[in-house]
Amino acid sequence: MPLSQADVQHIAALSRLAFDEQELADFQTKLARIVAFVDQLTAVDMEGVEPMAHPLDLTQRLRADDTDETIDRDRYQQNSAEVADGFYRVPRVIE
């Protein structure tokens, strides 16, 4: 399906792009190649091919979910101006 200049101008208008005549001809050629490639992909027989999330059959290596550092909340809250029930108290912002 060849793209006309009117088609490319319409796509450019939808994309809010402005092209001069030389750029318009260049984009017409490039968009036509993209459309031809998509047509080529749709022509491939996909019967019996299962969808997959990734082209490689790999598993993700994950680290062990272990805690390695604890937070000493009481020590950190010593620097705060005001603390109540283990929480930092701040001035009210919304009234």
Protein backbone atom coordinates (compact mmCIF):
# COMPACT_ATOMS: atom_id res chain seq x y z
CA MET A 1 0.00 0.00 0.00
CA PRO A 2 1.83 3.10 -1.16
CA LEU A 3 1.51 6.23 0.93
CA SER A 4 0.65 9.45 -0.85
CA GLN A 5 1.96 12.85 0.13
CA ALA A 6 -1.53 13.66 1.40
CA ASP A 7 -1.34 10.64 3.73
CA VAL A 8 2.04 11.77 5.09
CA GLN A 9 0.77 15.34 5.52
CA HIS A 10 -2.24 14.00 7.40
CA ILE A 11 -0.02 11.90 9.68
CA ALA A 12 2.24 14.90 10.24
CA ALA A 13 -0.77 17.07 11.12
CA LEU A 14 -2.02 14.45 13.60
CA SER A 15 1.47 14.34 15.12
CA ARG A 16 1.66 18.13 15.11
CA LEU A 17 4.81 18.10 13.02
CA ALA A 18 5.70 20.54 10.25
CA PHE A 19 7.84 19.47 7.29
CA ASP A 20 9.09 21.25 4.22
CA GLU A 21 8.73 19.59 0.80
CA GLN A 22 12.12 17.83 0.93
CA GLU A 23 11.48 16.42 4.42
CA LEU A 24 7.98 15.40 3.38
CA ALA A 25 9.34 13.34 0.47
CA ASP A 26 11.95 11.76 2.77
CA PHE A 27 9.34 10.82 5.36
CA GLN A 28 7.05 9.48 2.65
CA THR A 29 9.79 7.07 1.59
CA LYS A 30 10.62 6.05 5.17
CA LEU A 31 6.99 5.53 6.18
CA ALA A 32 6.37 3.48 3.03
CA ARG A 33 9.29 1.21 3.99
CA ILE A 34 7.86 0.79 7.50
CA VAL A 35 4.42 -0.09 6.16
CA ALA A 36 5.97 -2.56 3.72
CA PHE A 37 7.90 -4.21 6.55
CA VAL A 38 4.75 -4.54 8.67
CA ASP A 39 2.97 -6.09 5.67
CA GLN A 40 5.85 -8.54 5.37
CA LEU A 41 5.53 -9.44 9.06
CA THR A 42 1.78 -10.02 8.79
CA ALA A 43 2.36 -12.41 5.88
CA VAL A 44 4.29 -14.84 8.13
CA ASP A 45 2.37 -17.99 9.09
CA MET A 46 2.04 -17.96 12.89
CA GLU A 47 -0.07 -21.11 13.18
CA GLY A 48 1.03 -23.16 16.19
CA VAL A 49 3.45 -20.55 17.54
CA GLU A 50 2.88 -19.89 21.23
CA PRO A 51 3.10 -16.32 22.47
CA MET A 52 6.06 -15.65 24.72
CA ALA A 53 7.11 -12.86 27.03
CA HIS A 54 10.79 -12.99 26.05
CA PRO A 55 12.60 -14.48 23.05
CA LEU A 56 15.22 -16.19 25.23
CA ASP A 57 14.46 -18.96 27.69
CA LEU A 58 16.28 -17.43 30.65
CA THR A 59 15.48 -17.12 34.31
CA GLN A 60 16.20 -14.03 36.29
CA ARG A 61 18.84 -14.39 38.95
CA LEU A 62 17.53 -12.87 42.15
CA ARG A 63 19.34 -12.21 45.37
CA ALA A 64 18.16 -13.81 48.56
CA ASP A 65 15.52 -11.77 50.34
CA ASP A 66 17.41 -11.43 53.61
CA THR A 67 17.66 -8.41 55.89
CA ASP A 68 21.20 -7.27 56.34
CA GLU A 69 20.76 -3.98 58.14
CA THR A 70 18.39 -2.82 60.84
CA ILE A 71 17.37 0.74 61.57
CA ASP A 72 17.81 1.99 65.10
CA ARG A 73 14.72 4.20 65.15
CA ASP A 74 15.24 5.46 68.69
CA ARG A 75 18.75 6.67 67.89
CA TYR A 76 17.61 8.45 64.71
CA GLN A 77 14.65 10.08 66.44
CA GLN A 78 16.93 11.64 69.06
CA ASN A 79 17.78 14.28 66.42
CA SER A 80 14.14 15.17 65.83
CA ALA A 81 12.51 18.19 67.43
CA GLU A 82 9.38 16.27 68.41
CA VAL A 83 8.49 12.57 68.40
CA ALA A 84 5.30 10.82 69.47
CA ASP A 85 4.57 7.07 69.51
CA GLY A 86 7.59 6.33 67.33
CA PHE A 87 6.58 8.87 64.64
CA TYR A 88 8.04 12.24 63.72
CA ARG A 89 5.73 15.14 64.61
CA VAL A 90 5.65 18.00 62.14
CA PRO A 91 3.66 21.25 62.04
CA ARG A 92 0.20 21.02 60.53
CA VAL A 93 0.23 22.10 56.88
CA ILE A 94 -3.44 21.77 55.94
CA GLU A 95 -6.06 23.32 58.15
